[in-house]
Amino acid sequence: VESFNGSLRDECLNVHWFLSLEDAQEKIEHWRQEYNQYRPHSSLNNQTPEEFIRSLQTGPDL
């Protein structure tokens, strides 16, 4: 959680000015989608979270 909070703060909150609540919601949602869909994470073997979930779902049955 601390790593995520640091990433959100450094890559989104410290970079953007929010002109309204709606503007903040749009910018944060855009960042969230990029973070969850397109950005590889070292803790997930350099896969995006979506790729990691798919690899678990299609992995060998135990």
PDB file of N, CA and C in Angstrom:
ATOM      1  N   VAL A   1       0.823  -1.182   0.000  1.00  0.00           N
ATOM      2  CA  VAL A   1       0.000   0.000   0.000  1.00  0.00           C
ATOM      3  C   VAL A   1       0.869   1.248   0.000  1.00  0.00           C
ATOM      4  N   GLU A   2       1.951   1.228   0.750  1.00  0.00           N
ATOM      5  CA  GLU A   2       2.820   2.399   0.811  1.00  0.00           C
ATOM      6  C   GLU A   2       3.438   2.703  -0.548  1.00  0.00           C
ATOM      7  N   SER A   3       3.810   1.667  -1.292  1.00  0.00           N
ATOM      8  CA  SER A   3       4.376   1.867  -2.624  1.00  0.00           C
ATOM      9  C   SER A   3       3.346   2.488  -3.560  1.00  0.00           C
ATOM     10  N   PHE A   4       2.111   1.980  -3.503  1.00  0.00           N
ATOM     11  CA  PHE A   4       1.049   2.535  -4.338  1.00  0.00           C
ATOM     12  C   PHE A   4       0.796   3.998  -3.980  1.00  0.00           C
ATOM     13  N   ASN A   5       0.691   4.289  -2.679  1.00  0.00           N
ATOM     14  CA  ASN A   5       0.447   5.673  -2.259  1.00  0.00           C
ATOM     15  C   ASN A   5       1.556   6.604  -2.736  1.00  0.00           C
ATOM     16  N   GLY A   6       2.798   6.137  -2.667  1.00  0.00           N
ATOM     17  CA  GLY A   6       3.919   6.945  -3.139  1.00  0.00           C
ATOM     18  C   GLY A   6       3.849   7.174  -4.636  1.00  0.00           C
ATOM     19  N   SER A   7       3.490   6.138  -5.390  1.00  0.00           N
ATOM     20  CA  SER A   7       3.362   6.278  -6.841  1.00  0.00           C
ATOM     21  C   SER A   7       2.235   7.242  -7.197  1.00  0.00           C
ATOM     22  N   LEU A   8       1.104   7.105  -6.540  1.00  0.00           N
ATOM     23  CA  LEU A   8      -0.026   8.010  -6.803  1.00  0.00           C
ATOM     24  C   LEU A   8       0.370   9.447  -6.506  1.00  0.00           C
ATOM     25  N   ARG A   9       1.013   9.655  -5.398  1.00  0.00           N
ATOM     26  CA  ARG A   9       1.419  11.012  -5.023  1.00  0.00           C
ATOM     27  C   ARG A   9       2.449  11.571  -6.010  1.00  0.00           C
ATOM     28  N   ASP A  10       3.498  10.787  -6.304  1.00  0.00           N
ATOM     29  CA  ASP A  10       4.592  11.275  -7.153  1.00  0.00           C
ATOM     30  C   ASP A  10       4.191  11.432  -8.614  1.00  0.00           C
ATOM     31  N   GLU A  11       3.369  10.517  -9.125  1.00  0.00           N
ATOM     32  CA  GLU A  11       3.079  10.491 -10.559  1.00  0.00           C
ATOM     33  C   GLU A  11       1.772  11.179 -10.931  1.00  0.00           C
ATOM     34  N   CYS A  12       0.932  11.471  -9.954  1.00  0.00           N
ATOM     35  CA  CYS A  12      -0.362  12.062 -10.285  1.00  0.00           C
ATOM     36  C   CYS A  12      -0.623  13.323  -9.457  1.00  0.00           C
ATOM     37  N   LEU A  13      -0.672  13.173  -8.165  1.00  0.00           N
ATOM     38  CA  LEU A  13      -1.083  14.293  -7.320  1.00  0.00           C
ATOM     39  C   LEU A  13      -0.092  15.453  -7.352  1.00  0.00           C
ATOM     40  N   ASN A  14       1.196  15.162  -7.408  1.00  0.00           N
ATOM     41  CA  ASN A  14       2.203  16.223  -7.439  1.00  0.00           C
ATOM     42  C   ASN A  14       2.395  16.817  -8.831  1.00  0.00           C
ATOM     43  N   VAL A  15       1.811  16.190  -9.849  1.00  0.00           N
ATOM     44  CA  VAL A  15       2.023  16.607 -11.234  1.00  0.00           C
ATOM     45  C   VAL A  15       0.881  17.478 -11.743  1.00  0.00           C
ATOM     46  N   HIS A  16      -0.326  17.239 -11.262  1.00  0.00           N
ATOM     47  CA  HIS A  16      -1.511  17.896 -11.810  1.00  0.00           C
ATOM     48  C   HIS A  16      -2.091  18.933 -10.855  1.00  0.00           C
ATOM     49  N   TRP A  17      -2.658  19.968 -11.459  1.00  0.00           N
ATOM     50  CA  TRP A  17      -3.508  20.912 -10.747  1.00  0.00           C
ATOM     51  C   TRP A  17      -4.931  20.447 -10.987  1.00  0.00           C
ATOM     52  N   PHE A  18      -5.728  20.394  -9.952  1.00  0.00           N
ATOM     53  CA  PHE A  18      -7.119  19.993 -10.091  1.00  0.00           C
ATOM     54  C   PHE A  18      -7.996  21.235 -10.005  1.00  0.00           C
ATOM     55  N   LEU A  19      -8.743  21.481 -11.067  1.00  0.00           N
ATOM     56  CA  LEU A  19      -9.554  22.689 -11.156  1.00  0.00           C
ATOM     57  C   LEU A  19     -10.938  22.515 -10.558  1.00  0.00           C
ATOM     58  N   SER A  20     -11.377  21.274 -10.414  1.00  0.00           N
ATOM     59  CA  SER A  20     -12.681  20.975  -9.830  1.00  0.00           C
ATOM     60  C   SER A  20     -12.664  19.515  -9.392  1.00  0.00           C
ATOM     61  N   LEU A  21     -13.696  19.109  -8.700  1.00  0.00           N
ATOM     62  CA  LEU A  21     -13.809  17.719  -8.290  1.00  0.00           C
ATOM     63  C   LEU A  21     -13.882  16.814  -9.519  1.00  0.00           C
ATOM     64  N   GLU A  22     -14.636  17.228 -10.518  1.00  0.00           N
ATOM     65  CA  GLU A  22     -14.752  16.442 -11.749  1.00  0.00           C
ATOM     66  C   GLU A  22     -13.411  16.320 -12.460  1.00  0.00           C
ATOM     67  N   ASP A  23     -12.655  17.393 -12.494  1.00  0.00           N
ATOM     68  CA  ASP A  23     -11.334  17.375 -13.118  1.00  0.00           C
ATOM     69  C   ASP A  23     -10.416  16.409 -12.370  1.00  0.00           C
ATOM     70  N   ALA A  24     -10.459  16.432 -11.049  1.00  0.00           N
ATOM     71  CA  ALA A  24      -9.651  15.515 -10.253  1.00  0.00           C
ATOM     72  C   ALA A  24     -10.054  14.074 -10.519  1.00  0.00           C
ATOM     73  N   GLN A  25     -11.351  13.802 -10.579  1.00  0.00           N
ATOM     74  CA  GLN A  25     -11.821  12.446 -10.830  1.00  0.00           C
ATOM     75  C   GLN A  25     -11.339  11.939 -12.186  1.00  0.00           C
ATOM     76  N   GLU A  26     -11.405  12.779 -13.206  1.00  0.00           N
ATOM     77  CA  GLU A  26     -10.960  12.382 -14.547  1.00  0.00           C
ATOM     78  C   GLU A  26      -9.463  12.098 -14.573  1.00  0.00           C
ATOM     79  N   LYS A  27      -8.667  12.976 -14.006  1.00  0.00           N
ATOM     80  CA  LYS A  27      -7.212  12.810 -14.035  1.00  0.00           C
ATOM     81  C   LYS A  27      -6.766  11.608 -13.212  1.00  0.00           C
ATOM     82  N   ILE A  28      -7.370  11.408 -12.061  1.00  0.00           N
ATOM     83  CA  ILE A  28      -7.000  10.273 -11.221  1.00  0.00           C
ATOM     84  C   ILE A  28      -7.440   8.967 -11.882  1.00  0.00           C
ATOM     85  N   GLU A  29      -8.618   8.944 -12.496  1.00  0.00           N
ATOM     86  CA  GLU A  29      -9.082   7.739 -13.190  1.00  0.00           C
ATOM     87  C   GLU A  29      -8.165   7.407 -14.363  1.00  0.00           C
ATOM     88  N   HIS A  30      -7.729   8.387 -15.111  1.00  0.00           N
ATOM     89  CA  HIS A  30      -6.799   8.156 -16.218  1.00  0.00           C
ATOM     90  C   HIS A  30      -5.502   7.552 -15.691  1.00  0.00           C
ATOM     91  N   TRP A  31      -4.974   8.119 -14.599  1.00  0.00           N
ATOM     92  CA  TRP A  31      -3.751   7.593 -14.011  1.00  0.00           C
ATOM     93  C   TRP A  31      -3.963   6.157 -13.523  1.00  0.00           C
ATOM     94  N   ARG A  32      -5.105   5.885 -12.877  1.00  0.00           N
ATOM     95  CA  ARG A  32      -5.400   4.551 -12.353  1.00  0.00           C
ATOM     96  C   ARG A  32      -5.451   3.507 -13.463  1.00  0.00           C
ATOM     97  N   GLN A  33      -6.093   3.860 -14.566  1.00  0.00           N
ATOM     98  CA  GLN A  33      -6.166   2.918 -15.683  1.00  0.00           C
ATOM     99  C   GLN A  33      -4.782   2.639 -16.258  1.00  0.00           C
ATOM    100  N   GLU A  34      -3.989   3.677 -16.409  1.00  0.00           N
ATOM    101  CA  GLU A  34      -2.628   3.482 -16.924  1.00  0.00           C
ATOM    102  C   GLU A  34      -1.826   2.615 -15.958  1.00  0.00           C
ATOM    103  N   TYR A  35      -1.954   2.867 -14.669  1.00  0.00           N
ATOM    104  CA  TYR A  35      -1.218   2.123 -13.636  1.00  0.00           C
ATOM    105  C   TYR A  35      -1.615   0.648 -13.639  1.00  0.00           C
ATOM    106  N   ASN A  36      -2.899   0.367 -13.798  1.00  0.00           N
ATOM    107  CA  ASN A  36      -3.396  -1.005 -13.709  1.00  0.00           C
ATOM    108  C   ASN A  36      -3.369  -1.780 -15.017  1.00  0.00           C
ATOM    109  N   GLN A  37      -3.365  -1.111 -16.147  1.00  0.00           N
ATOM    110  CA  GLN A  37      -3.489  -1.818 -17.409  1.00  0.00           C
ATOM    111  C   GLN A  37      -2.223  -1.818 -18.255  1.00  0.00           C
ATOM    112  N   TYR A  38      -1.423  -0.784 -18.174  1.00  0.00           N
ATOM    113  CA  TYR A  38      -0.318  -0.644 -19.121  1.00  0.00           C
ATOM    114  C   TYR A  38       1.058  -0.614 -18.488  1.00  0.00           C
ATOM    115  N   ARG A  39       1.137  -0.408 -17.200  1.00  0.00           N
ATOM    116  CA  ARG A  39       2.433  -0.244 -16.541  1.00  0.00           C
ATOM    117  C   ARG A  39       2.887  -1.545 -15.898  1.00  0.00           C
ATOM    118  N   PRO A  40       4.045  -2.072 -16.288  1.00  0.00           N
ATOM    119  CA  PRO A  40       4.568  -3.280 -15.642  1.00  0.00           C
ATOM    120  C   PRO A  40       4.998  -2.983 -14.200  1.00  0.00           C
ATOM    121  N   HIS A  41       4.834  -3.962 -13.340  1.00  0.00           N
ATOM    122  CA  HIS A  41       5.202  -3.822 -11.931  1.00  0.00           C
ATOM    123  C   HIS A  41       6.274  -4.856 -11.603  1.00  0.00           C
ATOM    124  N   SER A  42       7.334  -4.414 -10.987  1.00  0.00           N
ATOM    125  CA  SER A  42       8.435  -5.332 -10.659  1.00  0.00           C
ATOM    126  C   SER A  42       7.972  -6.425  -9.695  1.00  0.00           C
ATOM    127  N   SER A  43       7.035  -6.110  -8.828  1.00  0.00           N
ATOM    128  CA  SER A  43       6.547  -7.117  -7.873  1.00  0.00           C
ATOM    129  C   SER A  43       5.702  -8.193  -8.548  1.00  0.00           C
ATOM    130  N   LEU A  44       5.305  -7.961  -9.790  1.00  0.00           N
ATOM    131  CA  LEU A  44       4.503  -8.933 -10.549  1.00  0.00           C
ATOM    132  C   LEU A  44       5.327  -9.527 -11.689  1.00  0.00           C
ATOM    133  N   ASN A  45       6.626  -9.654 -11.471  1.00  0.00           N
ATOM    134  CA  ASN A  45       7.525 -10.217 -12.484  1.00  0.00           C
ATOM    135  C   ASN A  45       7.508  -9.378 -13.766  1.00  0.00           C
ATOM    136  N   ASN A  46       7.491  -8.071 -13.601  1.00  0.00           N
ATOM    137  CA  ASN A  46       7.474  -7.104 -14.704  1.00  0.00           C
ATOM    138  C   ASN A  46       6.306  -7.312 -15.666  1.00  0.00           C
ATOM    139  N   GLN A  47       5.171  -7.686 -15.110  1.00  0.00           N
ATOM    140  CA  GLN A  47       3.934  -7.788 -15.873  1.00  0.00           C
ATOM    141  C   GLN A  47       2.986  -6.690 -15.399  1.00  0.00           C
ATOM    142  N   THR A  48       2.019  -6.339 -16.254  1.00  0.00           N
ATOM    143  CA  THR A  48       0.966  -5.444 -15.798  1.00  0.00           C
ATOM    144  C   THR A  48       0.056  -6.244 -14.873  1.00  0.00           C
ATOM    145  N   PRO A  49      -0.697  -5.591 -14.004  1.00  0.00           N
ATOM    146  CA  PRO A  49      -1.620  -6.338 -13.149  1.00  0.00           C
ATOM    147  C   PRO A  49      -2.591  -7.207 -13.954  1.00  0.00           C
ATOM    148  N   GLU A  50      -3.086  -6.726 -15.072  1.00  0.00           N
ATOM    149  CA  GLU A  50      -3.999  -7.526 -15.891  1.00  0.00           C
ATOM    150  C   GLU A  50      -3.301  -8.761 -16.463  1.00  0.00           C
ATOM    151  N   GLU A  51      -2.060  -8.608 -16.922  1.00  0.00           N
ATOM    152  CA  GLU A  51      -1.306  -9.757 -17.427  1.00  0.00           C
ATOM    153  C   GLU A  51      -1.074 -10.779 -16.316  1.00  0.00           C
ATOM    154  N   PHE A  52      -0.755 -10.287 -15.128  1.00  0.00           N
ATOM    155  CA  PHE A  52      -0.510 -11.174 -13.994  1.00  0.00           C
ATOM    156  C   PHE A  52      -1.764 -11.973 -13.639  1.00  0.00           C
ATOM    157  N   ILE A  53      -2.910 -11.316 -13.605  1.00  0.00           N
ATOM    158  CA  ILE A  53      -4.177 -12.007 -13.302  1.00  0.00           C
ATOM    159  C   ILE A  53      -4.465 -13.053 -14.362  1.00  0.00           C
ATOM    160  N   ARG A  54      -4.269 -12.708 -15.639  1.00  0.00           N
ATOM    161  CA  ARG A  54      -4.495 -13.686 -16.713  1.00  0.00           C
ATOM    162  C   ARG A  54      -3.560 -14.866 -16.576  1.00  0.00           C
ATOM    163  N   SER A  55      -2.306 -14.616 -16.195  1.00  0.00           N
ATOM    164  CA  SER A  55      -1.358 -15.722 -16.049  1.00  0.00           C
ATOM    165  C   SER A  55      -1.777 -16.661 -14.917  1.00  0.00           C
ATOM    166  N   LEU A  56      -2.380 -16.138 -13.884  1.00  0.00           N
ATOM    167  CA  LEU A  56      -2.877 -16.986 -12.785  1.00  0.00           C
ATOM    168  C   LEU A  56      -4.087 -17.792 -13.214  1.00  0.00           C
ATOM    169  N   GLN A  57      -4.945 -17.171 -14.021  1.00  0.00           N
ATOM    170  CA  GLN A  57      -6.170 -17.847 -14.462  1.00  0.00           C
ATOM    171  C   GLN A  57      -5.888 -18.929 -15.504  1.00  0.00           C
ATOM    172  N   THR A  58      -4.837 -18.749 -16.287  1.00  0.00           N
ATOM    173  CA  THR A  58      -4.535 -19.710 -17.348  1.00  0.00           C
ATOM    174  C   THR A  58      -3.361 -20.603 -16.992  1.00  0.00           C
ATOM    175  N   GLY A  59      -2.856 -20.478 -15.781  1.00  0.00           N
ATOM    176  CA  GLY A  59      -1.718 -21.270 -15.340  1.00  0.00           C
ATOM    177  C   GLY A  59      -2.091 -22.729 -15.146  1.00  0.00           C
ATOM    178  N   PRO A  60      -1.095 -23.565 -14.899  1.00  0.00           N
ATOM    179  CA  PRO A  60      -1.361 -25.003 -14.697  1.00  0.00           C
ATOM    180  C   PRO A  60      -2.211 -25.230 -13.456  1.00  0.00           C
ATOM    181  N   ASP A  61      -3.090 -26.201 -13.540  1.00  0.00           N
ATOM    182  CA  ASP A  61      -3.926 -26.567 -12.389  1.00  0.00           C
ATOM    183  C   ASP A  61      -3.085 -27.302 -11.366  1.00  0.00           C
ATOM    184  N   LEU A  62      -3.274 -26.962 -10.127  1.00  0.00           N
ATOM    185  CA  LEU A  62      -2.514 -27.613  -9.045  1.00  0.00           C
ATOM    186  C   LEU A  62      -3.330 -28.664  -8.372  1.00  0.00           C
TER     187      LEU A  62
END
